[in-house]
Structure formats: structure tokens, C-alpha cells
């Protein structure tokens, strides 16, 4: 089906982007948060999250938005540390600030 092909193609593009982070680009990163407002965003974010976790295993990863709690088991299996639902701004900011604390 055309939709499946488009998603598979998009995932390949996303995997290629994830592998292209320039050397040193993640050195100063202390927290990563990705918005997952829909299922497609979740599927596209997974390769990027896996790459980030592999390159910077000590950096907390956060997924937030409508589809984050719905996919919590998959996200955690791929290394996501914090999973938040929609309307989570205060908790998201608190998690980011906690990651910066010495």
C-alpha cells in the first residue's frame, strides 16, 4: 500500500539523519526531549532516540505528547527515560532543569 511505502521511506530518511549527527554535536547536550503528537512522529523518532542513547548513554531522553504514553513500553525499550503526556510543560521544564543540575 502506498501509505506503508511512504512510512518506510520516511523511516529510512530518519535513520539516515540520525546517523549523520556531526562529531561533537552532542557533546554539550544534557537533556533531549521529543514531541510525539501523532503515531507517525513516534515511528520517526525511534531511530533518532536510539542513536542519541547509543552516542550519549548518560543523557536523559524524554518523549512527550499525546502519543508518548500510548507508546511508553516501546519508548522505554528504546532507551527513553521520561515519558510525559500532553499538557506537560511544567513537568518537562522540571525534568530538563534536573538534568542540568550537577
PDB file of N, CA and C in Angstrom:
ATOM      1  N   UNK A   1       0.847  -1.177   0.000  1.00  0.00           N
ATOM      2  CA  UNK A   1       0.000   0.000   0.000  1.00  0.00           C
ATOM      3  C   UNK A   1       0.894   1.242   0.000  1.00  0.00           C
ATOM      4  N   UNK A   2       0.443   2.270  -0.623  1.00  0.00           N
ATOM      5  CA  UNK A   2       1.232   3.499  -0.802  1.00  0.00           C
ATOM      6  C   UNK A   2       1.618   4.130   0.530  1.00  0.00           C
ATOM      7  N   UNK A   3       0.696   4.089   1.510  1.00  0.00           N
ATOM      8  CA  UNK A   3       0.974   4.702   2.822  1.00  0.00           C
ATOM      9  C   UNK A   3       2.106   3.971   3.543  1.00  0.00           C
ATOM     10  N   UNK A   4       2.099   2.648   3.467  1.00  0.00           N
ATOM     11  CA  UNK A   4       3.164   1.868   4.113  1.00  0.00           C
ATOM     12  C   UNK A   4       4.507   2.198   3.473  1.00  0.00           C
ATOM     13  N   UNK A   5       4.542   2.275   2.150  1.00  0.00           N
ATOM     14  CA  UNK A   5       5.775   2.620   1.449  1.00  0.00           C
ATOM     15  C   UNK A   5       6.283   3.991   1.843  1.00  0.00           C
ATOM     16  N   UNK A   6       5.369   4.937   1.999  1.00  0.00           N
ATOM     17  CA  UNK A   6       5.770   6.292   2.381  1.00  0.00           C
ATOM     18  C   UNK A   6       6.372   6.293   3.783  1.00  0.00           C
ATOM     19  N   UNK A   7       5.752   5.561   4.703  1.00  0.00           N
ATOM     20  CA  UNK A   7       6.281   5.495   6.069  1.00  0.00           C
ATOM     21  C   UNK A   7       7.632   4.802   6.108  1.00  0.00           C
ATOM     22  N   UNK A   8       7.770   3.727   5.351  1.00  0.00           N
ATOM     23  CA  UNK A   8       9.051   3.036   5.319  1.00  0.00           C
ATOM     24  C   UNK A   8      10.128   3.942   4.742  1.00  0.00           C
ATOM     25  N   UNK A   9       9.790   4.672   3.696  1.00  0.00           N
ATOM     26  CA  UNK A   9      10.740   5.616   3.113  1.00  0.00           C
ATOM     27  C   UNK A   9      11.104   6.713   4.087  1.00  0.00           C
ATOM     28  N   UNK A  10      10.116   7.226   4.814  1.00  0.00           N
ATOM     29  CA  UNK A  10      10.374   8.275   5.799  1.00  0.00           C
ATOM     30  C   UNK A  10      11.247   7.744   6.918  1.00  0.00           C
ATOM     31  N   UNK A  11      11.028   6.498   7.331  1.00  0.00           N
ATOM     32  CA  UNK A  11      11.848   5.943   8.399  1.00  0.00           C
ATOM     33  C   UNK A  11      13.290   5.783   7.935  1.00  0.00           C
ATOM     34  N   UNK A  12      13.494   5.387   6.693  1.00  0.00           N
ATOM     35  CA  UNK A  12      14.871   5.271   6.182  1.00  0.00           C
ATOM     36  C   UNK A  12      15.550   6.629   6.172  1.00  0.00           C
ATOM     37  N   UNK A  13      14.813   7.669   5.778  1.00  0.00           N
ATOM     38  CA  UNK A  13      15.369   9.023   5.789  1.00  0.00           C
ATOM     39  C   UNK A  13      15.723   9.406   7.216  1.00  0.00           C
ATOM     40  N   UNK A  14      14.839   9.116   8.159  1.00  0.00           N
ATOM     41  CA  UNK A  14      15.073   9.461   9.548  1.00  0.00           C
ATOM     42  C   UNK A  14      16.280   8.711  10.103  1.00  0.00           C
ATOM     43  N   UNK A  15      16.432   7.434   9.760  1.00  0.00           N
ATOM     44  CA  UNK A  15      17.594   6.667  10.199  1.00  0.00           C
ATOM     45  C   UNK A  15      18.875   7.277   9.632  1.00  0.00           C
ATOM     46  N   UNK A  16      18.817   7.715   8.379  1.00  0.00           N
ATOM     47  CA  UNK A  16      19.987   8.345   7.771  1.00  0.00           C
ATOM     48  C   UNK A  16      20.321   9.652   8.489  1.00  0.00           C
ATOM     49  N   UNK A  17      19.300  10.444   8.817  1.00  0.00           N
ATOM     50  CA  UNK A  17      19.536  11.692   9.545  1.00  0.00           C
ATOM     51  C   UNK A  17      20.129  11.411  10.918  1.00  0.00           C
ATOM     52  N   UNK A  18      19.608  10.406  11.592  1.00  0.00           N
ATOM     53  CA  UNK A  18      20.100  10.076  12.929  1.00  0.00           C
ATOM     54  C   UNK A  18      21.565   9.693  12.898  1.00  0.00           C
ATOM     55  N   UNK A  19      21.999   9.071  11.838  1.00  0.00           N
ATOM     56  CA  UNK A  19      23.391   8.633  11.761  1.00  0.00           C
ATOM     57  C   UNK A  19      24.320   9.759  11.315  1.00  0.00           C
ATOM     58  N   UNK A  20      23.771  10.898  10.978  1.00  0.00           N
ATOM     59  CA  UNK A  20      24.583  11.991  10.446  1.00  0.00           C
ATOM     60  C   UNK A  20      24.861  13.113  11.439  1.00  0.00           C
ATOM     61  N   UNK A  21      24.624  12.889  12.717  1.00  0.00           N
ATOM     62  CA  UNK A  21      24.978  13.929  13.685  1.00  0.00           C
ATOM     63  C   UNK A  21      26.481  14.168  13.575  1.00  0.00           C
ATOM     64  N   UNK A  22      26.897  15.397  13.343  1.00  0.00           N
ATOM     65  CA  UNK A  22      28.336  15.672  13.238  1.00  0.00           C
ATOM     66  C   UNK A  22      29.059  15.322  14.537  1.00  0.00           C
ATOM     67  N   UNK A  23      30.303  14.934  14.418  1.00  0.00           N
ATOM     68  CA  UNK A  23      31.125  14.628  15.588  1.00  0.00           C
ATOM     69  C   UNK A  23      31.134  15.844  16.507  1.00  0.00           C
ATOM     70  N   UNK A  24      30.899  15.615  17.766  1.00  0.00           N
ATOM     71  CA  UNK A  24      30.902  16.696  18.742  1.00  0.00           C
ATOM     72  C   UNK A  24      29.586  17.434  18.886  1.00  0.00           C
ATOM     73  N   UNK A  25      28.641  17.200  17.987  1.00  0.00           N
ATOM     74  CA  UNK A  25      27.384  17.942  18.027  1.00  0.00           C
ATOM     75  C   UNK A  25      26.577  17.658  19.290  1.00  0.00           C
ATOM     76  N   UNK A  26      26.802  16.515  19.892  1.00  0.00           N
ATOM     77  CA  UNK A  26      26.024  16.141  21.070  1.00  0.00           C
ATOM     78  C   UNK A  26      26.799  16.302  22.377  1.00  0.00           C
ATOM     79  N   UNK A  27      28.016  16.798  22.306  1.00  0.00           N
ATOM     80  CA  UNK A  27      28.876  16.860  23.482  1.00  0.00           C
ATOM     81  C   UNK A  27      28.288  17.684  24.632  1.00  0.00           C
ATOM     82  N   UNK A  28      27.654  18.794  24.342  1.00  0.00           N
ATOM     83  CA  UNK A  28      27.141  19.674  25.387  1.00  0.00           C
ATOM     84  C   UNK A  28      25.687  19.380  25.751  1.00  0.00           C
ATOM     85  N   UNK A  29      25.081  18.407  25.110  1.00  0.00           N
ATOM     86  CA  UNK A  29      23.676  18.092  25.355  1.00  0.00           C
ATOM     87  C   UNK A  29      23.522  17.449  26.729  1.00  0.00           C
ATOM     88  N   UNK A  30      22.581  17.982  27.533  1.00  0.00           N
ATOM     89  CA  UNK A  30      22.345  17.413  28.865  1.00  0.00           C
ATOM     90  C   UNK A  30      20.958  16.802  28.991  1.00  0.00           C
ATOM     91  N   UNK A  31      20.085  17.038  28.025  1.00  0.00           N
ATOM     92  CA  UNK A  31      18.713  16.532  28.071  1.00  0.00           C
ATOM     93  C   UNK A  31      18.144  16.611  26.660  1.00  0.00           C
ATOM     94  N   UNK A  32      17.427  15.583  26.259  1.00  0.00           N
ATOM     95  CA  UNK A  32      16.793  15.587  24.939  1.00  0.00           C
ATOM     96  C   UNK A  32      15.317  15.287  25.127  1.00  0.00           C
ATOM     97  N   UNK A  33      14.470  16.121  24.540  1.00  0.00           N
ATOM     98  CA  UNK A  33      13.026  15.900  24.581  1.00  0.00           C
ATOM     99  C   UNK A  33      12.485  15.936  23.160  1.00  0.00           C
ATOM    100  N   UNK A  34      11.631  14.973  22.840  1.00  0.00           N
ATOM    101  CA  UNK A  34      10.998  14.940  21.526  1.00  0.00           C
ATOM    102  C   UNK A  34       9.491  14.942  21.706  1.00  0.00           C
ATOM    103  N   UNK A  35       8.837  15.706  20.866  1.00  0.00           N
ATOM    104  CA  UNK A  35       7.380  15.794  20.887  1.00  0.00           C
ATOM    105  C   UNK A  35       6.798  14.689  20.014  1.00  0.00           C
ATOM    106  N   UNK A  36       5.817  13.983  20.554  1.00  0.00           N
ATOM    107  CA  UNK A  36       5.170  12.892  19.823  1.00  0.00           C
ATOM    108  C   UNK A  36       3.665  13.144  19.760  1.00  0.00           C
ATOM    109  N   UNK A  37       3.257  14.068  18.883  1.00  0.00           N
ATOM    110  CA  UNK A  37       1.837  14.406  18.801  1.00  0.00           C
ATOM    111  C   UNK A  37       1.013  13.410  17.991  1.00  0.00           C
ATOM    112  N   UNK A  38       1.675  12.502  17.281  1.00  0.00           N
ATOM    113  CA  UNK A  38       0.946  11.526  16.467  1.00  0.00           C
ATOM    114  C   UNK A  38       1.785  10.263  16.318  1.00  0.00           C
ATOM    115  N   UNK A  39       1.137   9.202  15.844  1.00  0.00           N
ATOM    116  CA  UNK A  39       1.814   7.913  15.702  1.00  0.00           C
ATOM    117  C   UNK A  39       3.006   8.000  14.747  1.00  0.00           C
ATOM    118  N   UNK A  40       2.857   8.716  13.650  1.00  0.00           N
ATOM    119  CA  UNK A  40       3.950   8.829  12.680  1.00  0.00           C
ATOM    120  C   UNK A  40       5.169   9.480  13.318  1.00  0.00           C
ATOM    121  N   UNK A  41       4.945  10.500  14.119  1.00  0.00           N
ATOM    122  CA  UNK A  41       6.066  11.158  14.800  1.00  0.00           C
ATOM    123  C   UNK A  41       6.791  10.177  15.711  1.00  0.00           C
ATOM    124  N   UNK A  42       6.036   9.304  16.344  1.00  0.00           N
ATOM    125  CA  UNK A  42       6.649   8.305  17.225  1.00  0.00           C
ATOM    126  C   UNK A  42       7.532   7.366  16.420  1.00  0.00           C
ATOM    127  N   UNK A  43       7.020   6.858  15.316  1.00  0.00           N
ATOM    128  CA  UNK A  43       7.791   5.933  14.488  1.00  0.00           C
ATOM    129  C   UNK A  43       9.046   6.597  13.934  1.00  0.00           C
ATOM    130  N   UNK A  44       8.936   7.848  13.561  1.00  0.00           N
ATOM    131  CA  UNK A  44      10.094   8.549  13.005  1.00  0.00           C
ATOM    132  C   UNK A  44      11.112   8.913  14.079  1.00  0.00           C
ATOM    133  N   UNK A  45      10.656   9.113  15.292  1.00  0.00           N
ATOM    134  CA  UNK A  45      11.571   9.495  16.377  1.00  0.00           C
ATOM    135  C   UNK A  45      12.393   8.322  16.902  1.00  0.00           C
ATOM    136  N   UNK A  46      11.896   7.110  16.799  1.00  0.00           N
ATOM    137  CA  UNK A  46      12.580   5.964  17.409  1.00  0.00           C
ATOM    138  C   UNK A  46      14.022   5.791  16.944  1.00  0.00           C
ATOM    139  N   UNK A  47      14.344   5.850  15.645  1.00  0.00           N
ATOM    140  CA  UNK A  47      15.756   5.694  15.255  1.00  0.00           C
ATOM    141  C   UNK A  47      16.637   6.819  15.793  1.00  0.00           C
ATOM    142  N   UNK A  48      16.101   8.013  15.851  1.00  0.00           N
ATOM    143  CA  UNK A  48      16.867   9.144  16.379  1.00  0.00           C
ATOM    144  C   UNK A  48      17.129   8.943  17.865  1.00  0.00           C
ATOM    145  N   UNK A  49      16.106   8.520  18.587  1.00  0.00           N
ATOM    146  CA  UNK A  49      16.273   8.271  20.026  1.00  0.00           C
ATOM    147  C   UNK A  49      17.289   7.165  20.286  1.00  0.00           C
ATOM    148  N   UNK A  50      17.238   6.101  19.499  1.00  0.00           N
ATOM    149  CA  UNK A  50      18.207   5.013  19.666  1.00  0.00           C
ATOM    150  C   UNK A  50      19.628   5.508  19.402  1.00  0.00           C
ATOM    151  N   UNK A  51      19.801   6.324  18.375  1.00  0.00           N
ATOM    152  CA  UNK A  51      21.125   6.867  18.055  1.00  0.00           C
ATOM    153  C   UNK A  51      21.621   7.769  19.181  1.00  0.00           C
ATOM    154  N   UNK A  52      20.737   8.636  19.671  1.00  0.00           N
ATOM    155  CA  UNK A  52      21.127   9.519  20.772  1.00  0.00           C
ATOM    156  C   UNK A  52      21.528   8.720  22.006  1.00  0.00           C
ATOM    157  N   UNK A  53      20.772   7.682  22.326  1.00  0.00           N
ATOM    158  CA  UNK A  53      21.082   6.867  23.509  1.00  0.00           C
ATOM    159  C   UNK A  53      22.398   6.134  23.322  1.00  0.00           C
ATOM    160  N   UNK A  54      22.665   5.669  22.118  1.00  0.00           N
ATOM    161  CA  UNK A  54      23.919   4.959  21.855  1.00  0.00           C
ATOM    162  C   UNK A  54      25.118   5.898  21.953  1.00  0.00           C
ATOM    163  N   UNK A  55      24.966   7.113  21.460  1.00  0.00           N
ATOM    164  CA  UNK A  55      26.086   8.054  21.462  1.00  0.00           C
ATOM    165  C   UNK A  55      26.286   8.762  22.788  1.00  0.00           C
ATOM    166  N   UNK A  56      25.216   8.980  23.498  1.00  0.00           N
ATOM    167  CA  UNK A  56      25.291   9.685  24.794  1.00  0.00           C
ATOM    168  C   UNK A  56      24.424   8.946  25.815  1.00  0.00           C
ATOM    169  N   UNK A  57      24.844   7.782  26.260  1.00  0.00           N
ATOM    170  CA  UNK A  57      24.010   6.962  27.137  1.00  0.00           C
ATOM    171  C   UNK A  57      23.639   7.615  28.467  1.00  0.00           C
ATOM    172  N   UNK A  58      24.423   8.574  28.914  1.00  0.00           N
ATOM    173  CA  UNK A  58      24.128   9.229  30.183  1.00  0.00           C
ATOM    174  C   UNK A  58      23.151  10.384  30.088  1.00  0.00           C
ATOM    175  N   UNK A  59      22.798  10.785  28.884  1.00  0.00           N
ATOM    176  CA  UNK A  59      21.885  11.911  28.698  1.00  0.00           C
ATOM    177  C   UNK A  59      20.444  11.406  28.765  1.00  0.00           C
ATOM    178  N   UNK A  60      19.643  11.973  29.660  1.00  0.00           N
ATOM    179  CA  UNK A  60      18.251  11.547  29.747  1.00  0.00           C
ATOM    180  C   UNK A  60      17.479  11.898  28.477  1.00  0.00           C
ATOM    181  N   UNK A  61      16.685  10.934  28.019  1.00  0.00           N
ATOM    182  CA  UNK A  61      15.811  11.144  26.873  1.00  0.00           C
ATOM    183  C   UNK A  61      14.379  11.244  27.374  1.00  0.00           C
ATOM    184  N   UNK A  62      13.639  12.184  26.803  1.00  0.00           N
ATOM    185  CA  UNK A  62      12.252  12.400  27.186  1.00  0.00           C
ATOM    186  C   UNK A  62      11.384  12.393  25.933  1.00  0.00           C
ATOM    187  N   UNK A  63      10.257  11.720  26.026  1.00  0.00           N
ATOM    188  CA  UNK A  63       9.250  11.765  24.968  1.00  0.00           C
ATOM    189  C   UNK A  63       7.978  12.319  25.596  1.00  0.00           C
ATOM    190  N   UNK A  64       7.361  13.278  24.911  1.00  0.00           N
ATOM    191  CA  UNK A  64       6.152  13.877  25.466  1.00  0.00           C
ATOM    192  C   UNK A  64       5.131  14.107  24.362  1.00  0.00           C
ATOM    193  N   UNK A  65       3.896  14.247  24.771  1.00  0.00           N
ATOM    194  CA  UNK A  65       2.831  14.497  23.816  1.00  0.00           C
ATOM    195  C   UNK A  65       1.760  13.419  23.879  1.00  0.00           C
ATOM    196  N   UNK A  66       0.767  13.569  23.046  1.00  0.00           N
ATOM    197  CA  UNK A  66      -0.394  12.691  23.057  1.00  0.00           C
ATOM    198  C   UNK A  66      -0.029  11.218  22.900  1.00  0.00           C
ATOM    199  N   UNK A  67       0.932  10.919  22.032  1.00  0.00           N
ATOM    200  CA  UNK A  67       1.255   9.524  21.749  1.00  0.00           C
ATOM    201  C   UNK A  67       2.376   8.953  22.601  1.00  0.00           C
ATOM    202  N   UNK A  68       3.016   9.749  23.413  1.00  0.00           N
ATOM    203  CA  UNK A  68       4.092   9.222  24.251  1.00  0.00           C
ATOM    204  C   UNK A  68       3.577   8.182  25.255  1.00  0.00           C
ATOM    205  N   UNK A  69       2.545   8.484  26.055  1.00  0.00           N
ATOM    206  CA  UNK A  69       2.072   7.474  26.996  1.00  0.00           C
ATOM    207  C   UNK A  69       1.509   6.223  26.307  1.00  0.00           C
ATOM    208  N   UNK A  70       0.920   6.405  25.142  1.00  0.00           N
ATOM    209  CA  UNK A  70       0.363   5.266  24.407  1.00  0.00           C
ATOM    210  C   UNK A  70       1.444   4.307  23.936  1.00  0.00           C
ATOM    211  N   UNK A  71       2.652   4.810  23.763  1.00  0.00           N
ATOM    212  CA  UNK A  71       3.781   4.008  23.285  1.00  0.00           C
ATOM    213  C   UNK A  71       4.878   3.871  24.338  1.00  0.00           C
ATOM    214  N   UNK A  72       4.510   4.019  25.592  1.00  0.00           N
ATOM    215  CA  UNK A  72       5.508   4.057  26.662  1.00  0.00           C
ATOM    216  C   UNK A  72       6.402   2.816  26.691  1.00  0.00           C
ATOM    217  N   UNK A  73       5.817   1.638  26.568  1.00  0.00           N
ATOM    218  CA  UNK A  73       6.630   0.412  26.647  1.00  0.00           C
ATOM    219  C   UNK A  73       7.680   0.390  25.540  1.00  0.00           C
ATOM    220  N   UNK A  74       7.288   0.747  24.334  1.00  0.00           N
ATOM    221  CA  UNK A  74       8.233   0.756  23.200  1.00  0.00           C
ATOM    222  C   UNK A  74       9.305   1.827  23.398  1.00  0.00           C
ATOM    223  N   UNK A  75       8.887   3.002  23.839  1.00  0.00           N
ATOM    224  CA  UNK A  75       9.831   4.100  24.050  1.00  0.00           C
ATOM    225  C   UNK A  75      10.859   3.734  25.122  1.00  0.00           C
ATOM    226  N   UNK A  76      10.401   3.168  26.212  1.00  0.00           N
ATOM    227  CA  UNK A  76      11.332   2.787  27.286  1.00  0.00           C
ATOM    228  C   UNK A  76      12.267   1.673  26.832  1.00  0.00           C
ATOM    229  N   UNK A  77      11.746   0.750  26.019  1.00  0.00           N
ATOM    230  CA  UNK A  77      12.597  -0.323  25.486  1.00  0.00           C
ATOM    231  C   UNK A  77      13.696   0.242  24.592  1.00  0.00           C
ATOM    232  N   UNK A  78      13.436   1.392  23.972  1.00  0.00           N
ATOM    233  CA  UNK A  78      14.424   2.034  23.108  1.00  0.00           C
ATOM    234  C   UNK A  78      15.249   3.090  23.835  1.00  0.00           C
ATOM    235  N   UNK A  79      15.162   3.123  25.176  1.00  0.00           N
ATOM    236  CA  UNK A  79      16.057   3.978  25.945  1.00  0.00           C
ATOM    237  C   UNK A  79      15.496   5.279  26.461  1.00  0.00           C
ATOM    238  N   UNK A  80      14.213   5.537  26.252  1.00  0.00           N
ATOM    239  CA  UNK A  80      13.626   6.778  26.759  1.00  0.00           C
ATOM    240  C   UNK A  80      13.463   6.672  28.269  1.00  0.00           C
ATOM    241  N   UNK A  81      13.918   7.699  28.978  1.00  0.00           N
ATOM    242  CA  UNK A  81      13.904   7.710  30.434  1.00  0.00           C
ATOM    243  C   UNK A  81      12.644   8.331  31.016  1.00  0.00           C
ATOM    244  N   UNK A  82      12.129   9.370  30.360  1.00  0.00           N
ATOM    245  CA  UNK A  82      10.980  10.123  30.860  1.00  0.00           C
ATOM    246  C   UNK A  82       9.899  10.112  29.788  1.00  0.00           C
ATOM    247  N   UNK A  83       8.692   9.707  30.175  1.00  0.00           N
ATOM    248  CA  UNK A  83       7.558   9.685  29.243  1.00  0.00           C
ATOM    249  C   UNK A  83       6.452  10.538  29.850  1.00  0.00           C
ATOM    250  N   UNK A  84       6.044  11.575  29.109  1.00  0.00           N
ATOM    251  CA  UNK A  84       5.032  12.508  29.593  1.00  0.00           C
ATOM    252  C   UNK A  84       3.903  12.629  28.577  1.00  0.00           C
ATOM    253  N   UNK A  85       2.714  12.844  29.067  1.00  0.00           N
ATOM    254  CA  UNK A  85       1.564  13.042  28.191  1.00  0.00           C
ATOM    255  C   UNK A  85       1.488  14.469  27.689  1.00  0.00           C
ATOM    256  N   UNK A  86       0.361  14.806  27.094  1.00  0.00           N
ATOM    257  CA  UNK A  86       0.180  16.185  26.618  1.00  0.00           C
ATOM    258  C   UNK A  86      -0.003  17.137  27.802  1.00  0.00           C
ATOM    259  N   UNK A  87       0.121  18.419  27.527  1.00  0.00           N
ATOM    260  CA  UNK A  87      -0.058  19.448  28.557  1.00  0.00           C
ATOM    261  C   UNK A  87       0.881  19.208  29.743  1.00  0.00           C
ATOM    262  N   UNK A  88       2.156  19.008  29.445  1.00  0.00           N
ATOM    263  CA  UNK A  88       3.128  18.625  30.485  1.00  0.00           C
ATOM    264  C   UNK A  88       4.238  19.655  30.645  1.00  0.00           C
ATOM    265  N   UNK A  89       3.988  20.880  30.265  1.00  0.00           N
ATOM    266  CA  UNK A  89       5.055  21.867  30.203  1.00  0.00           C
ATOM    267  C   UNK A  89       5.833  22.003  31.507  1.00  0.00           C
ATOM    268  N   UNK A  90       5.139  22.099  32.624  1.00  0.00           N
ATOM    269  CA  UNK A  90       5.828  22.283  33.904  1.00  0.00           C
ATOM    270  C   UNK A  90       6.715  21.086  34.232  1.00  0.00           C
ATOM    271  N   UNK A  91       6.195  19.888  34.014  1.00  0.00           N
ATOM    272  CA  UNK A  91       6.970  18.678  34.304  1.00  0.00           C
ATOM    273  C   UNK A  91       8.141  18.550  33.345  1.00  0.00           C
ATOM    274  N   UNK A  92       7.932  18.931  32.103  1.00  0.00           N
ATOM    275  CA  UNK A  92       9.004  18.884  31.109  1.00  0.00           C
ATOM    276  C   UNK A  92      10.131  19.832  31.477  1.00  0.00           C
ATOM    277  N   UNK A  93       9.795  21.035  31.851  1.00  0.00           N
ATOM    278  CA  UNK A  93      10.808  22.021  32.279  1.00  0.00           C
ATOM    279  C   UNK A  93      11.534  21.523  33.513  1.00  0.00           C
ATOM    280  N   UNK A  94      10.809  20.960  34.462  1.00  0.00           N
ATOM    281  CA  UNK A  94      11.441  20.446  35.676  1.00  0.00           C
ATOM    282  C   UNK A  94      12.425  19.316  35.344  1.00  0.00           C
ATOM    283  N   UNK A  95      12.053  18.434  34.422  1.00  0.00           N
ATOM    284  CA  UNK A  95      12.937  17.339  34.040  1.00  0.00           C
ATOM    285  C   UNK A  95      14.200  17.873  33.358  1.00  0.00           C
ATOM    286  N   UNK A  96      14.035  18.870  32.505  1.00  0.00           N
ATOM    287  CA  UNK A  96      15.191  19.464  31.825  1.00  0.00           C
ATOM    288  C   UNK A  96      16.118  20.150  32.818  1.00  0.00           C
ATOM    289  N   UNK A  97      15.551  20.871  33.756  1.00  0.00           N
ATOM    290  CA  UNK A  97      16.365  21.553  34.774  1.00  0.00           C
ATOM    291  C   UNK A  97      17.071  20.538  35.672  1.00  0.00           C
ATOM    292  N   UNK A  98      16.393  19.460  36.022  1.00  0.00           N
ATOM    293  CA  UNK A  98      17.007  18.420  36.862  1.00  0.00           C
ATOM    294  C   UNK A  98      18.184  17.785  36.150  1.00  0.00           C
ATOM    295  N   UNK A  99      18.097  17.626  34.840  1.00  0.00           N
ATOM    296  CA  UNK A  99      19.183  17.031  34.076  1.00  0.00           C
ATOM    297  C   UNK A  99      20.417  17.935  34.059  1.00  0.00           C
ATOM    298  N   UNK A 100      20.202  19.232  34.182  1.00  0.00           N
ATOM    299  CA  UNK A 100      21.331  20.194  34.180  1.00  0.00           C
ATOM    300  C   UNK A 100      21.987  20.318  35.529  1.00  0.00           C
ATOM    301  N   UNK A 101      21.313  19.896  36.588  1.00  0.00           N
ATOM    302  CA  UNK A 101      21.867  20.028  37.946  1.00  0.00           C
ATOM    303  C   UNK A 101      23.087  19.138  38.104  1.00  0.00           C
ATOM    304  N   UNK A 102      24.118  19.629  38.805  1.00  0.00           N
ATOM    305  CA  UNK A 102      25.333  18.821  38.983  1.00  0.00           C
ATOM    306  C   UNK A 102      25.104  17.608  39.864  1.00  0.00           C
TER     307      UNK A 102
END
